[in-house]
């Protein structure tokens, strides 16, 4: 499974092979988490 597939599965509330890592975590996104 590549990183794109992993992120799409996580967004669709499906079980990826491992948790995706979001390298482009901006302060605005981090604030919403």
Protein backbone atom coordinates (compact mmCIF):
# COMPACT_ATOMS: atom_id res chain seq x y z
CA UNK A 1 0.00 0.00 0.00
CA UNK A 2 1.44 3.37 -0.94
CA UNK A 3 1.09 6.58 1.06
CA UNK A 4 -1.74 7.92 -1.10
CA UNK A 5 -3.81 4.76 -0.65
CA UNK A 6 -3.10 4.85 3.09
CA UNK A 7 -4.36 8.44 3.43
CA UNK A 8 -7.47 7.74 1.34
CA UNK A 9 -8.35 4.72 3.48
CA UNK A 10 -7.93 6.77 6.67
CA UNK A 11 -10.13 9.56 5.28
CA UNK A 12 -12.79 7.00 4.34
CA UNK A 13 -12.70 5.52 7.88
CA UNK A 14 -11.23 2.26 6.60
CA UNK A 15 -8.35 0.31 8.16
CA UNK A 16 -4.99 1.06 6.47
CA UNK A 17 -2.00 -1.28 6.90
CA UNK A 18 -0.46 1.32 9.23
CA UNK A 19 -1.38 4.88 10.25
CA UNK A 20 -0.61 7.51 7.62
CA UNK A 21 1.91 10.23 8.44
CA UNK A 22 0.95 13.72 7.35
CA UNK A 23 4.23 15.52 6.66
CA UNK A 24 2.50 18.71 5.54
CA UNK A 25 0.93 19.47 8.90
CA UNK A 26 0.56 23.24 8.93
CA UNK A 27 -0.22 25.25 12.08
CA UNK A 28 -3.75 25.83 10.78
CA UNK A 29 -4.36 22.10 10.38
CA UNK A 30 -2.75 21.29 13.74
CA UNK A 31 -5.03 23.83 15.40
CA UNK A 32 -8.11 21.95 14.14
CA UNK A 33 -6.89 18.58 15.45
